[in-house]
Amino acid sequence: MSNPATPDRESFRHALTAERNALRADDAASAAERKPVVLDQQSVGRLSRMDAMQVQAMAVATGERRQARIRRIEAALKRIETGEFGLCVTCGEDIAPKRLALDPAVATCITCAKGGAQ
């Protein structure tokens, strides 16, 4: 099934690929922040360790959100390749072009995102 009403898939592919590459670069750049905190009382005081642990926990959470976004982007790129981009993965209806413009990785129409038709 193909969605001829979907605007320029190639521009969506380019935007999604660029975002994925930027996220991967951010992930690589922040890898050191996600490493476990060394608990050495001789080199770091208790409050400094707690601060370091908080920074590490926030970096891990940010990394997890980044990886989830990358997975959504890769799924959207696959839908572009298979000709299913712009179609709701739940009901098969068109996703509104404005919704895709806001987030090209979105996989569902607004009706399904809200929980389906009532």
PDB file of N, CA and C in Angstrom:
ATOM      1  N   MET A   1       0.847  -1.171   0.000  1.00  0.00           N
ATOM      2  CA  MET A   1       0.000   0.000   0.000  1.00  0.00           C
ATOM      3  C   MET A   1       0.892   1.233   0.000  1.00  0.00           C
ATOM      4  N   SER A   2       0.559   2.232  -0.786  1.00  0.00           N
ATOM      5  CA  SER A   2       1.365   3.440  -0.893  1.00  0.00           C
ATOM      6  C   SER A   2       0.499   4.646  -0.630  1.00  0.00           C
ATOM      7  N   ASN A   3       1.124   5.705  -0.170  1.00  0.00           N
ATOM      8  CA  ASN A   3       0.394   6.908   0.188  1.00  0.00           C
ATOM      9  C   ASN A   3       0.854   8.058  -0.698  1.00  0.00           C
ATOM     10  N   PRO A   4       0.192   8.288  -1.847  1.00  0.00           N
ATOM     11  CA  PRO A   4       0.626   9.334  -2.759  1.00  0.00           C
ATOM     12  C   PRO A   4       0.440  10.737  -2.194  1.00  0.00           C
ATOM     13  N   ALA A   5      -0.397  10.916  -1.163  1.00  0.00           N
ATOM     14  CA  ALA A   5      -0.637  12.239  -0.605  1.00  0.00           C
ATOM     15  C   ALA A   5       0.514  12.705   0.289  1.00  0.00           C
ATOM     16  N   THR A   6       1.397  11.784   0.689  1.00  0.00           N
ATOM     17  CA  THR A   6       2.494  12.156   1.567  1.00  0.00           C
ATOM     18  C   THR A   6       3.490  13.018   0.814  1.00  0.00           C
ATOM     19  N   PRO A   7       3.783  14.197   1.354  1.00  0.00           N
ATOM     20  CA  PRO A   7       4.735  15.076   0.690  1.00  0.00           C
ATOM     21  C   PRO A   7       6.139  14.493   0.681  1.00  0.00           C
ATOM     22  N   ASP A   8       6.861  14.794  -0.328  1.00  0.00           N
ATOM     23  CA  ASP A   8       8.271  14.497  -0.556  1.00  0.00           C
ATOM     24  C   ASP A   8       8.940  13.568   0.454  1.00  0.00           C
ATOM     25  N   ARG A   9       8.835  12.289   0.216  1.00  0.00           N
ATOM     26  CA  ARG A   9       9.447  11.288   1.100  1.00  0.00           C
ATOM     27  C   ARG A   9      10.949  11.454   1.188  1.00  0.00           C
ATOM     28  N   GLU A  10      11.549  11.911   0.096  1.00  0.00           N
ATOM     29  CA  GLU A  10      13.011  12.074   0.083  1.00  0.00           C
ATOM     30  C   GLU A  10      13.454  13.137   1.083  1.00  0.00           C
ATOM     31  N   SER A  11      12.685  14.196   1.225  1.00  0.00           N
ATOM     32  CA  SER A  11      13.061  15.217   2.214  1.00  0.00           C
ATOM     33  C   SER A  11      12.881  14.665   3.630  1.00  0.00           C
ATOM     34  N   PHE A  12      11.862  13.838   3.838  1.00  0.00           N
ATOM     35  CA  PHE A  12      11.697  13.198   5.143  1.00  0.00           C
ATOM     36  C   PHE A  12      12.858  12.243   5.411  1.00  0.00           C
ATOM     37  N   ARG A  13      13.262  11.482   4.405  1.00  0.00           N
ATOM     38  CA  ARG A  13      14.384  10.552   4.557  1.00  0.00           C
ATOM     39  C   ARG A  13      15.648  11.328   4.950  1.00  0.00           C
ATOM     40  N   HIS A  14      15.872  12.432   4.268  1.00  0.00           N
ATOM     41  CA  HIS A  14      17.062  13.240   4.556  1.00  0.00           C
ATOM     42  C   HIS A  14      17.014  13.786   5.989  1.00  0.00           C
ATOM     43  N   ALA A  15      15.877  14.336   6.400  1.00  0.00           N
ATOM     44  CA  ALA A  15      15.740  14.899   7.748  1.00  0.00           C
ATOM     45  C   ALA A  15      15.909  13.822   8.816  1.00  0.00           C
ATOM     46  N   LEU A  16      15.290  12.659   8.605  1.00  0.00           N
ATOM     47  CA  LEU A  16      15.393  11.564   9.566  1.00  0.00           C
ATOM     48  C   LEU A  16      16.820  11.043   9.664  1.00  0.00           C
ATOM     49  N   THR A  17      17.486  10.909   8.533  1.00  0.00           N
ATOM     50  CA  THR A  17      18.868  10.427   8.527  1.00  0.00           C
ATOM     51  C   THR A  17      19.784  11.414   9.240  1.00  0.00           C
ATOM     52  N   ALA A  18      19.585  12.698   8.984  1.00  0.00           N
ATOM     53  CA  ALA A  18      20.405  13.725   9.638  1.00  0.00           C
ATOM     54  C   ALA A  18      20.188  13.703  11.157  1.00  0.00           C
ATOM     55  N   GLU A  19      18.934  13.572  11.580  1.00  0.00           N
ATOM     56  CA  GLU A  19      18.658  13.525  13.021  1.00  0.00           C
ATOM     57  C   GLU A  19      19.282  12.279  13.646  1.00  0.00           C
ATOM     58  N   ARG A  20      19.141  11.141  12.984  1.00  0.00           N
ATOM     59  CA  ARG A  20      19.731   9.901  13.507  1.00  0.00           C
ATOM     60  C   ARG A  20      21.247  10.038  13.646  1.00  0.00           C
ATOM     61  N   ASN A  21      21.901  10.622  12.648  1.00  0.00           N
ATOM     62  CA  ASN A  21      23.351  10.787  12.707  1.00  0.00           C
ATOM     63  C   ASN A  21      23.757  11.728  13.844  1.00  0.00           C
ATOM     64  N   ALA A  22      22.990  12.792  14.045  1.00  0.00           N
ATOM     65  CA  ALA A  22      23.280  13.719  15.136  1.00  0.00           C
ATOM     66  C   ALA A  22      23.094  13.034  16.492  1.00  0.00           C
ATOM     67  N   LEU A  23      22.043  12.234  16.630  1.00  0.00           N
ATOM     68  CA  LEU A  23      21.802  11.513  17.882  1.00  0.00           C
ATOM     69  C   LEU A  23      22.917  10.511  18.165  1.00  0.00           C
ATOM     70  N   ARG A  24      23.373   9.825  17.132  1.00  0.00           N
ATOM     71  CA  ARG A  24      24.467   8.870  17.310  1.00  0.00           C
ATOM     72  C   ARG A  24      25.745   9.589  17.733  1.00  0.00           C
ATOM     73  N   ALA A  25      26.003  10.759  17.138  1.00  0.00           N
ATOM     74  CA  ALA A  25      27.187  11.536  17.516  1.00  0.00           C
ATOM     75  C   ALA A  25      27.076  12.010  18.964  1.00  0.00           C
ATOM     76  N   ASP A  26      25.904  12.481  19.362  1.00  0.00           N
ATOM     77  CA  ASP A  26      25.689  12.899  20.753  1.00  0.00           C
ATOM     78  C   ASP A  26      25.897  11.726  21.700  1.00  0.00           C
ATOM     79  N   ASP A  27      25.414  10.556  21.304  1.00  0.00           N
ATOM     80  CA  ASP A  27      25.541   9.367  22.139  1.00  0.00           C
ATOM     81  C   ASP A  27      27.010   9.007  22.335  1.00  0.00           C
ATOM     82  N   ALA A  28      27.777   9.063  21.267  1.00  0.00           N
ATOM     83  CA  ALA A  28      29.203   8.753  21.361  1.00  0.00           C
ATOM     84  C   ALA A  28      29.933   9.787  22.221  1.00  0.00           C
ATOM     85  N   ALA A  29      29.558  11.052  22.077  1.00  0.00           N
ATOM     86  CA  ALA A  29      30.220  12.122  22.822  1.00  0.00           C
ATOM     87  C   ALA A  29      29.924  12.051  24.315  1.00  0.00           C
ATOM     88  N   SER A  30      28.780  11.488  24.683  1.00  0.00           N
ATOM     89  CA  SER A  30      28.408  11.454  26.101  1.00  0.00           C
ATOM     90  C   SER A  30      28.662  10.092  26.750  1.00  0.00           C
ATOM     91  N   ALA A  31      29.366   9.217  26.060  1.00  0.00           N
ATOM     92  CA  ALA A  31      29.595   7.869  26.592  1.00  0.00           C
ATOM     93  C   ALA A  31      30.317   7.901  27.935  1.00  0.00           C
ATOM     94  N   ALA A  32      31.263   8.789  28.103  1.00  0.00           N
ATOM     95  CA  ALA A  32      32.026   8.851  29.350  1.00  0.00           C
ATOM     96  C   ALA A  32      31.141   9.238  30.531  1.00  0.00           C
ATOM     97  N   GLU A  33      30.137  10.068  30.294  1.00  0.00           N
ATOM     98  CA  GLU A  33      29.247  10.500  31.372  1.00  0.00           C
ATOM     99  C   GLU A  33      28.375   9.357  31.890  1.00  0.00           C
ATOM    100  N   ARG A  34      28.166   8.330  31.063  1.00  0.00           N
ATOM    101  CA  ARG A  34      27.303   7.209  31.448  1.00  0.00           C
ATOM    102  C   ARG A  34      28.056   6.096  32.173  1.00  0.00           C
ATOM    103  N   LYS A  35      29.377   6.207  32.241  1.00  0.00           N
ATOM    104  CA  LYS A  35      30.165   5.169  32.916  1.00  0.00           C
ATOM    105  C   LYS A  35      29.864   5.175  34.410  1.00  0.00           C
ATOM    106  N   PRO A  36      29.952   4.005  35.052  1.00  0.00           N
ATOM    107  CA  PRO A  36      29.715   3.950  36.498  1.00  0.00           C
ATOM    108  C   PRO A  36      30.682   4.868  37.260  1.00  0.00           C
ATOM    109  N   VAL A  37      30.180   5.420  38.352  1.00  0.00           N
ATOM    110  CA  VAL A  37      30.984   6.305  39.194  1.00  0.00           C
ATOM    111  C   VAL A  37      31.851   5.454  40.103  1.00  0.00           C
ATOM    112  N   VAL A  38      33.133   5.765  40.151  1.00  0.00           N
ATOM    113  CA  VAL A  38      34.066   5.047  41.010  1.00  0.00           C
ATOM    114  C   VAL A  38      33.899   5.558  42.435  1.00  0.00           C
ATOM    115  N   LEU A  39      33.722   4.655  43.372  1.00  0.00           N
ATOM    116  CA  LEU A  39      33.514   5.023  44.767  1.00  0.00           C
ATOM    117  C   LEU A  39      34.830   4.957  45.537  1.00  0.00           C
ATOM    118  N   ASP A  40      35.663   5.954  45.314  1.00  0.00           N
ATOM    119  CA  ASP A  40      36.962   6.044  45.968  1.00  0.00           C
ATOM    120  C   ASP A  40      36.934   7.223  46.929  1.00  0.00           C
ATOM    121  N   GLN A  41      36.818   6.954  48.216  1.00  0.00           N
ATOM    122  CA  GLN A  41      36.697   8.019  49.208  1.00  0.00           C
ATOM    123  C   GLN A  41      37.963   8.847  49.335  1.00  0.00           C
ATOM    124  N   GLN A  42      39.077   8.335  48.882  1.00  0.00           N
ATOM    125  CA  GLN A  42      40.322   9.078  48.984  1.00  0.00           C
ATOM    126  C   GLN A  42      40.386  10.219  47.969  1.00  0.00           C
ATOM    127  N   SER A  43      39.791  10.021  46.803  1.00  0.00           N
ATOM    128  CA  SER A  43      39.922  11.040  45.763  1.00  0.00           C
ATOM    129  C   SER A  43      38.698  11.948  45.636  1.00  0.00           C
ATOM    130  N   VAL A  44      37.544  11.502  46.112  1.00  0.00           N
ATOM    131  CA  VAL A  44      36.319  12.290  45.956  1.00  0.00           C
ATOM    132  C   VAL A  44      35.532  12.251  47.262  1.00  0.00           C
ATOM    133  N   GLY A  45      35.055  13.402  47.698  1.00  0.00           N
ATOM    134  CA  GLY A  45      34.242  13.467  48.904  1.00  0.00           C
ATOM    135  C   GLY A  45      32.858  12.904  48.667  1.00  0.00           C
ATOM    136  N   ARG A  46      32.111  12.706  49.764  1.00  0.00           N
ATOM    137  CA  ARG A  46      30.787  12.092  49.691  1.00  0.00           C
ATOM    138  C   ARG A  46      29.824  12.889  48.809  1.00  0.00           C
ATOM    139  N   LEU A  47      29.754  14.210  48.988  1.00  0.00           N
ATOM    140  CA  LEU A  47      28.840  15.020  48.192  1.00  0.00           C
ATOM    141  C   LEU A  47      29.247  15.048  46.721  1.00  0.00           C
ATOM    142  N   SER A  48      30.538  15.080  46.475  1.00  0.00           N
ATOM    143  CA  SER A  48      31.000  15.056  45.088  1.00  0.00           C
ATOM    144  C   SER A  48      30.630  13.745  44.408  1.00  0.00           C
ATOM    145  N   ARG A  49      30.731  12.639  45.166  1.00  0.00           N
ATOM    146  CA  ARG A  49      30.330  11.329  44.620  1.00  0.00           C
ATOM    147  C   ARG A  49      28.847  11.315  44.315  1.00  0.00           C
ATOM    148  N   MET A  50      28.050  11.883  45.233  1.00  0.00           N
ATOM    149  CA  MET A  50      26.604  11.927  45.012  1.00  0.00           C
ATOM    150  C   MET A  50      26.278  12.760  43.775  1.00  0.00           C
ATOM    151  N   ASP A  51      26.955  13.887  43.617  1.00  0.00           N
ATOM    152  CA  ASP A  51      26.760  14.706  42.417  1.00  0.00           C
ATOM    153  C   ASP A  51      27.144  13.924  41.168  1.00  0.00           C
ATOM    154  N   ALA A  52      28.267  13.227  41.228  1.00  0.00           N
ATOM    155  CA  ALA A  52      28.732  12.448  40.080  1.00  0.00           C
ATOM    156  C   ALA A  52      27.744  11.330  39.748  1.00  0.00           C
ATOM    157  N   MET A  53      27.182  10.713  40.781  1.00  0.00           N
ATOM    158  CA  MET A  53      26.208   9.646  40.557  1.00  0.00           C
ATOM    159  C   MET A  53      24.927  10.200  39.937  1.00  0.00           C
ATOM    160  N   GLN A  54      24.519  11.390  40.367  1.00  0.00           N
ATOM    161  CA  GLN A  54      23.332  12.018  39.789  1.00  0.00           C
ATOM    162  C   GLN A  54      23.573  12.370  38.325  1.00  0.00           C
ATOM    163  N   VAL A  55      24.731  12.931  38.016  1.00  0.00           N
ATOM    164  CA  VAL A  55      25.064  13.262  36.631  1.00  0.00           C
ATOM    165  C   VAL A  55      25.079  11.989  35.784  1.00  0.00           C
ATOM    166  N   GLN A  56      25.646  10.926  36.328  1.00  0.00           N
ATOM    167  CA  GLN A  56      25.712   9.658  35.599  1.00  0.00           C
ATOM    168  C   GLN A  56      24.312   9.107  35.359  1.00  0.00           C
ATOM    169  N   ALA A  57      23.439   9.161  36.353  1.00  0.00           N
ATOM    170  CA  ALA A  57      22.065   8.656  36.201  1.00  0.00           C
ATOM    171  C   ALA A  57      21.302   9.466  35.161  1.00  0.00           C
ATOM    172  N   MET A  58      21.494  10.780  35.167  1.00  0.00           N
ATOM    173  CA  MET A  58      20.823  11.613  34.161  1.00  0.00           C
ATOM    174  C   MET A  58      21.365  11.316  32.772  1.00  0.00           C
ATOM    175  N   ALA A  59      22.670  11.082  32.659  1.00  0.00           N
ATOM    176  CA  ALA A  59      23.259  10.754  31.362  1.00  0.00           C
ATOM    177  C   ALA A  59      22.733   9.419  30.846  1.00  0.00           C
ATOM    178  N   VAL A  60      22.563   8.442  31.738  1.00  0.00           N
ATOM    179  CA  VAL A  60      22.019   7.140  31.340  1.00  0.00           C
ATOM    180  C   VAL A  60      20.582   7.310  30.839  1.00  0.00           C
ATOM    181  N   ALA A  61      19.774   8.076  31.577  1.00  0.00           N
ATOM    182  CA  ALA A  61      18.381   8.288  31.169  1.00  0.00           C
ATOM    183  C   ALA A  61      18.304   9.017  29.829  1.00  0.00           C
ATOM    184  N   THR A  62      19.156  10.006  29.645  1.00  0.00           N
ATOM    185  CA  THR A  62      19.193  10.729  28.369  1.00  0.00           C
ATOM    186  C   THR A  62      19.610   9.788  27.244  1.00  0.00           C
ATOM    187  N   GLY A  63      20.584   8.939  27.506  1.00  0.00           N
ATOM    188  CA  GLY A  63      21.019   7.967  26.511  1.00  0.00           C
ATOM    189  C   GLY A  63      19.914   6.994  26.134  1.00  0.00           C
ATOM    190  N   GLU A  64      19.127   6.574  27.117  1.00  0.00           N
ATOM    191  CA  GLU A  64      18.009   5.669  26.834  1.00  0.00           C
ATOM    192  C   GLU A  64      16.950   6.350  25.974  1.00  0.00           C
ATOM    193  N   ARG A  65      16.654   7.622  26.276  1.00  0.00           N
ATOM    194  CA  ARG A  65      15.691   8.363  25.441  1.00  0.00           C
ATOM    195  C   ARG A  65      16.237   8.553  24.026  1.00  0.00           C
ATOM    196  N   ARG A  66      17.523   8.826  23.936  1.00  0.00           N
ATOM    197  CA  ARG A  66      18.160   9.003  22.627  1.00  0.00           C
ATOM    198  C   ARG A  66      18.066   7.713  21.817  1.00  0.00           C
ATOM    199  N   GLN A  67      18.338   6.567  22.453  1.00  0.00           N
ATOM    200  CA  GLN A  67      18.266   5.285  21.750  1.00  0.00           C
ATOM    201  C   GLN A  67      16.837   4.969  21.316  1.00  0.00           C
ATOM    202  N   ALA A  68      15.855   5.313  22.143  1.00  0.00           N
ATOM    203  CA  ALA A  68      14.450   5.095  21.763  1.00  0.00           C
ATOM    204  C   ALA A  68      14.099   5.942  20.545  1.00  0.00           C
ATOM    205  N   ARG A  69      14.571   7.173  20.515  1.00  0.00           N
ATOM    206  CA  ARG A  69      14.306   8.049  19.364  1.00  0.00           C
ATOM    207  C   ARG A  69      14.974   7.482  18.112  1.00  0.00           C
ATOM    208  N   ILE A  70      16.193   6.997  18.246  1.00  0.00           N
ATOM    209  CA  ILE A  70      16.886   6.392  17.100  1.00  0.00           C
ATOM    210  C   ILE A  70      16.091   5.204  16.575  1.00  0.00           C
ATOM    211  N   ARG A  71      15.545   4.379  17.469  1.00  0.00           N
ATOM    212  CA  ARG A  71      14.735   3.232  17.024  1.00  0.00           C
ATOM    213  C   ARG A  71      13.488   3.705  16.266  1.00  0.00           C
ATOM    214  N   ARG A  72      12.834   4.774  16.748  1.00  0.00           N
ATOM    215  CA  ARG A  72      11.656   5.304  16.043  1.00  0.00           C
ATOM    216  C   ARG A  72      12.049   5.849  14.674  1.00  0.00           C
ATOM    217  N   ILE A  73      13.194   6.511  14.590  1.00  0.00           N
ATOM    218  CA  ILE A  73      13.668   7.048  13.314  1.00  0.00           C
ATOM    219  C   ILE A  73      13.968   5.910  12.348  1.00  0.00           C
ATOM    220  N   GLU A  74      14.647   4.875  12.829  1.00  0.00           N
ATOM    221  CA  GLU A  74      14.974   3.739  11.956  1.00  0.00           C
ATOM    222  C   GLU A  74      13.720   3.031  11.473  1.00  0.00           C
ATOM    223  N   ALA A  75      12.697   2.951  12.319  1.00  0.00           N
ATOM    224  CA  ALA A  75      11.429   2.355  11.894  1.00  0.00           C
ATOM    225  C   ALA A  75      10.784   3.216  10.808  1.00  0.00           C
ATOM    226  N   ALA A  76      10.851   4.537  10.950  1.00  0.00           N
ATOM    227  CA  ALA A  76      10.291   5.432   9.931  1.00  0.00           C
ATOM    228  C   ALA A  76      11.059   5.300   8.619  1.00  0.00           C
ATOM    229  N   LEU A  77      12.383   5.193   8.694  1.00  0.00           N
ATOM    230  CA  LEU A  77      13.183   5.016   7.480  1.00  0.00           C
ATOM    231  C   LEU A  77      12.823   3.697   6.788  1.00  0.00           C
ATOM    232  N   LYS A  78      12.559   2.677   7.571  1.00  0.00           N
ATOM    233  CA  LYS A  78      12.147   1.393   6.983  1.00  0.00           C
ATOM    234  C   LYS A  78      10.784   1.538   6.301  1.00  0.00           C
ATOM    235  N   ARG A  79       9.864   2.296   6.934  1.00  0.00           N
ATOM    236  CA  ARG A  79       8.553   2.519   6.305  1.00  0.00           C
ATOM    237  C   ARG A  79       8.706   3.297   4.996  1.00  0.00           C
ATOM    238  N   ILE A  80       9.667   4.202   4.933  1.00  0.00           N
ATOM    239  CA  ILE A  80       9.927   4.917   3.675  1.00  0.00           C
ATOM    240  C   ILE A  80      10.370   3.920   2.617  1.00  0.00           C
ATOM    241  N   GLU A  81      11.284   3.029   2.987  1.00  0.00           N
ATOM    242  CA  GLU A  81      11.821   2.035   2.041  1.00  0.00           C
ATOM    243  C   GLU A  81      10.735   1.086   1.538  1.00  0.00           C
ATOM    244  N   THR A  82       9.800   0.722   2.400  1.00  0.00           N
ATOM    245  CA  THR A  82       8.768  -0.246   2.016  1.00  0.00           C
ATOM    246  C   THR A  82       7.529   0.415   1.411  1.00  0.00           C
ATOM    247  N   GLY A  83       7.527   1.754   1.359  1.00  0.00           N
ATOM    248  CA  GLY A  83       6.382   2.463   0.789  1.00  0.00           C
ATOM    249  C   GLY A  83       5.220   2.620   1.750  1.00  0.00           C
ATOM    250  N   GLU A  84       5.451   2.361   3.031  1.00  0.00           N
ATOM    251  CA  GLU A  84       4.383   2.463   4.021  1.00  0.00           C
ATOM    252  C   GLU A  84       4.461   3.744   4.840  1.00  0.00           C
ATOM    253  N   PHE A  85       5.417   4.601   4.518  1.00  0.00           N
ATOM    254  CA  PHE A  85       5.573   5.866   5.248  1.00  0.00           C
ATOM    255  C   PHE A  85       4.345   6.743   5.028  1.00  0.00           C
ATOM    256  N   GLY A  86       3.875   7.347   6.106  1.00  0.00           N
ATOM    257  CA  GLY A  86       2.703   8.207   6.013  1.00  0.00           C
ATOM    258  C   GLY A  86       1.404   7.482   6.271  1.00  0.00           C
ATOM    259  N   LEU A  87       1.496   6.164   6.475  1.00  0.00           N
ATOM    260  CA  LEU A  87       0.314   5.363   6.797  1.00  0.00           C
ATOM    261  C   LEU A  87       0.400   4.924   8.245  1.00  0.00           C
ATOM    262  N   CYS A  88      -0.690   4.996   8.953  1.00  0.00           N
ATOM    263  CA  CYS A  88      -0.759   4.597  10.355  1.00  0.00           C
ATOM    264  C   CYS A  88      -0.453   3.099  10.470  1.00  0.00           C
ATOM    265  N   VAL A  89       0.459   2.750  11.373  1.00  0.00           N
ATOM    266  CA  VAL A  89       0.807   1.338  11.551  1.00  0.00           C
ATOM    267  C   VAL A  89      -0.300   0.563  12.264  1.00  0.00           C
ATOM    268  N   THR A  90      -1.246   1.273  12.867  1.00  0.00           N
ATOM    269  CA  THR A  90      -2.338   0.616  13.572  1.00  0.00           C
ATOM    270  C   THR A  90      -3.538   0.372  12.671  1.00  0.00           C
ATOM    271  N   CYS A  91      -4.006   1.426  12.002  1.00  0.00           N
ATOM    272  CA  CYS A  91      -5.240   1.296  11.222  1.00  0.00           C
ATOM    273  C   CYS A  91      -5.014   1.353   9.706  1.00  0.00           C
ATOM    274  N   GLY A  92      -3.847   1.776   9.273  1.00  0.00           N
ATOM    275  CA  GLY A  92      -3.551   1.833   7.846  1.00  0.00           C
ATOM    276  C   GLY A  92      -4.009   3.098   7.141  1.00  0.00           C
ATOM    277  N   GLU A  93      -4.664   3.993   7.857  1.00  0.00           N
ATOM    278  CA  GLU A  93      -5.127   5.255   7.263  1.00  0.00           C
ATOM    279  C   GLU A  93      -3.960   6.235   7.128  1.00  0.00           C
ATOM    280  N   ASP A  94      -4.166   7.272   6.320  1.00  0.00           N
ATOM    281  CA  ASP A  94      -3.142   8.306   6.151  1.00  0.00           C
ATOM    282  C   ASP A  94      -2.897   9.043   7.466  1.00  0.00           C
ATOM    283  N   ILE A  95      -1.627   9.344   7.719  1.00  0.00           N
ATOM    284  CA  ILE A  95      -1.258  10.229   8.820  1.00  0.00           C
ATOM    285  C   ILE A  95      -1.278  11.641   8.247  1.00  0.00           C
ATOM    286  N   ALA A  96      -1.890  12.567   8.961  1.00  0.00           N
ATOM    287  CA  ALA A  96      -2.006  13.949   8.475  1.00  0.00           C
ATOM    288  C   ALA A  96      -0.627  14.525   8.154  1.00  0.00           C
ATOM    289  N   PRO A  97      -0.491  15.171   6.991  1.00  0.00           N
ATOM    290  CA  PRO A  97       0.799  15.760   6.612  1.00  0.00           C
ATOM    291  C   PRO A  97       1.360  16.714   7.669  1.00  0.00           C
ATOM    292  N   LYS A  98       0.497  17.472   8.335  1.00  0.00           N
ATOM    293  CA  LYS A  98       0.985  18.372   9.376  1.00  0.00           C
ATOM    294  C   LYS A  98       1.576  17.590  10.550  1.00  0.00           C
ATOM    295  N   ARG A  99       0.991  16.444  10.855  1.00  0.00           N
ATOM    296  CA  ARG A  99       1.511  15.597  11.932  1.00  0.00           C
ATOM    297  C   ARG A  99       2.885  15.049  11.548  1.00  0.00           C
ATOM    298  N   LEU A 100       3.030  14.621  10.305  1.00  0.00           N
ATOM    299  CA  LEU A 100       4.330  14.137   9.829  1.00  0.00           C
ATOM    300  C   LEU A 100       5.357  15.268   9.793  1.00  0.00           C
ATOM    301  N   ALA A 101       4.918  16.471   9.441  1.00  0.00           N
ATOM    302  CA  ALA A 101       5.838  17.594   9.391  1.00  0.00           C
ATOM    303  C   ALA A 101       6.391  17.912  10.782  1.00  0.00           C
ATOM    304  N   LEU A 102       5.551  17.748  11.812  1.00  0.00           N
ATOM    305  CA  LEU A 102       6.003  17.992  13.185  1.00  0.00           C
ATOM    306  C   LEU A 102       6.978  16.916  13.655  1.00  0.00           C
ATOM    307  N   ASP A 103       6.706  15.666  13.275  1.00  0.00           N
ATOM    308  CA  ASP A 103       7.572  14.552  13.668  1.00  0.00           C
ATOM    309  C   ASP A 103       7.511  13.475  12.593  1.00  0.00           C
ATOM    310  N   PRO A 104       8.477  13.468  11.689  1.00  0.00           N
ATOM    311  CA  PRO A 104       8.455  12.477  10.605  1.00  0.00           C
ATOM    312  C   PRO A 104       8.572  11.032  11.084  1.00  0.00           C
ATOM    313  N   ALA A 105       8.970  10.818  12.322  1.00  0.00           N
ATOM    314  CA  ALA A 105       9.092   9.453  12.844  1.00  0.00           C
ATOM    315  C   ALA A 105       7.787   8.935  13.432  1.00  0.00           C
ATOM    316  N   VAL A 106       6.752   9.757  13.461  1.00  0.00           N
ATOM    317  CA  VAL A 106       5.477   9.341  14.039  1.00  0.00           C
ATOM    318  C   VAL A 106       4.922   8.153  13.246  1.00  0.00           C
ATOM    319  N   ALA A 107       4.356   7.191  13.975  1.00  0.00           N
ATOM    320  CA  ALA A 107       3.913   5.952  13.326  1.00  0.00           C
ATOM    321  C   ALA A 107       2.399   5.792  13.273  1.00  0.00           C
ATOM    322  N   THR A 108       1.668   6.649  14.002  1.00  0.00           N
ATOM    323  CA  THR A 108       0.220   6.488  14.059  1.00  0.00           C
ATOM    324  C   THR A 108      -0.503   7.779  13.712  1.00  0.00           C
ATOM    325  N   CYS A 109      -1.710   7.617  13.230  1.00  0.00           N
ATOM    326  CA  CYS A 109      -2.569   8.773  12.994  1.00  0.00           C
ATOM    327  C   CYS A 109      -3.016   9.324  14.339  1.00  0.00           C
ATOM    328  N   ILE A 110      -3.576  10.495  14.355  1.00  0.00           N
ATOM    329  CA  ILE A 110      -3.978  11.119  15.615  1.00  0.00           C
ATOM    330  C   ILE A 110      -5.081  10.323  16.314  1.00  0.00           C
ATOM    331  N   THR A 111      -5.971   9.723  15.548  1.00  0.00           N
ATOM    332  CA  THR A 111      -7.055   8.934  16.143  1.00  0.00           C
ATOM    333  C   THR A 111      -6.500   7.747  16.915  1.00  0.00           C
ATOM    334  N   CYS A 112      -5.579   7.009  16.296  1.00  0.00           N
ATOM    335  CA  CYS A 112      -4.998   5.849  16.974  1.00  0.00           C
ATOM    336  C   CYS A 112      -4.089   6.282  18.128  1.00  0.00           C
ATOM    337  N   ALA A 113      -3.411   7.407  17.979  1.00  0.00           N
ATOM    338  CA  ALA A 113      -2.554   7.910  19.053  1.00  0.00           C
ATOM    339  C   ALA A 113      -3.380   8.266  20.287  1.00  0.00           C
ATOM    340  N   LYS A 114      -4.615   8.691  20.063  1.00  0.00           N
ATOM    341  CA  LYS A 114      -5.499   9.037  21.177  1.00  0.00           C
ATOM    342  C   LYS A 114      -6.211   7.816  21.753  1.00  0.00           C
ATOM    343  N   GLY A 115      -5.996   6.668  21.171  1.00  0.00           N
ATOM    344  CA  GLY A 115      -6.622   5.461  21.701  1.00  0.00           C
ATOM    345  C   GLY A 115      -7.672   4.873  20.817  1.00  0.00           C
ATOM    346  N   GLY A 116      -7.764   5.337  19.575  1.00  0.00           N
ATOM    347  CA  GLY A 116      -8.732   4.780  18.630  1.00  0.00           C
ATOM    348  C   GLY A 116     -10.035   5.527  18.626  1.00  0.00           C
ATOM    349  N   ALA A 117     -10.816   5.237  17.637  1.00  0.00           N
ATOM    350  CA  ALA A 117     -12.129   5.880  17.494  1.00  0.00           C
ATOM    351  C   ALA A 117     -13.051   5.404  18.599  1.00  0.00           C
ATOM    352  N   GLN A 118     -13.831   6.302  19.124  1.00  0.00           N
ATOM    353  CA  GLN A 118     -14.766   5.985  20.216  1.00  0.00           C
ATOM    354  C   GLN A 118     -16.124   5.664  19.657  1.00  0.00           C
TER     355      GLN A 118
END
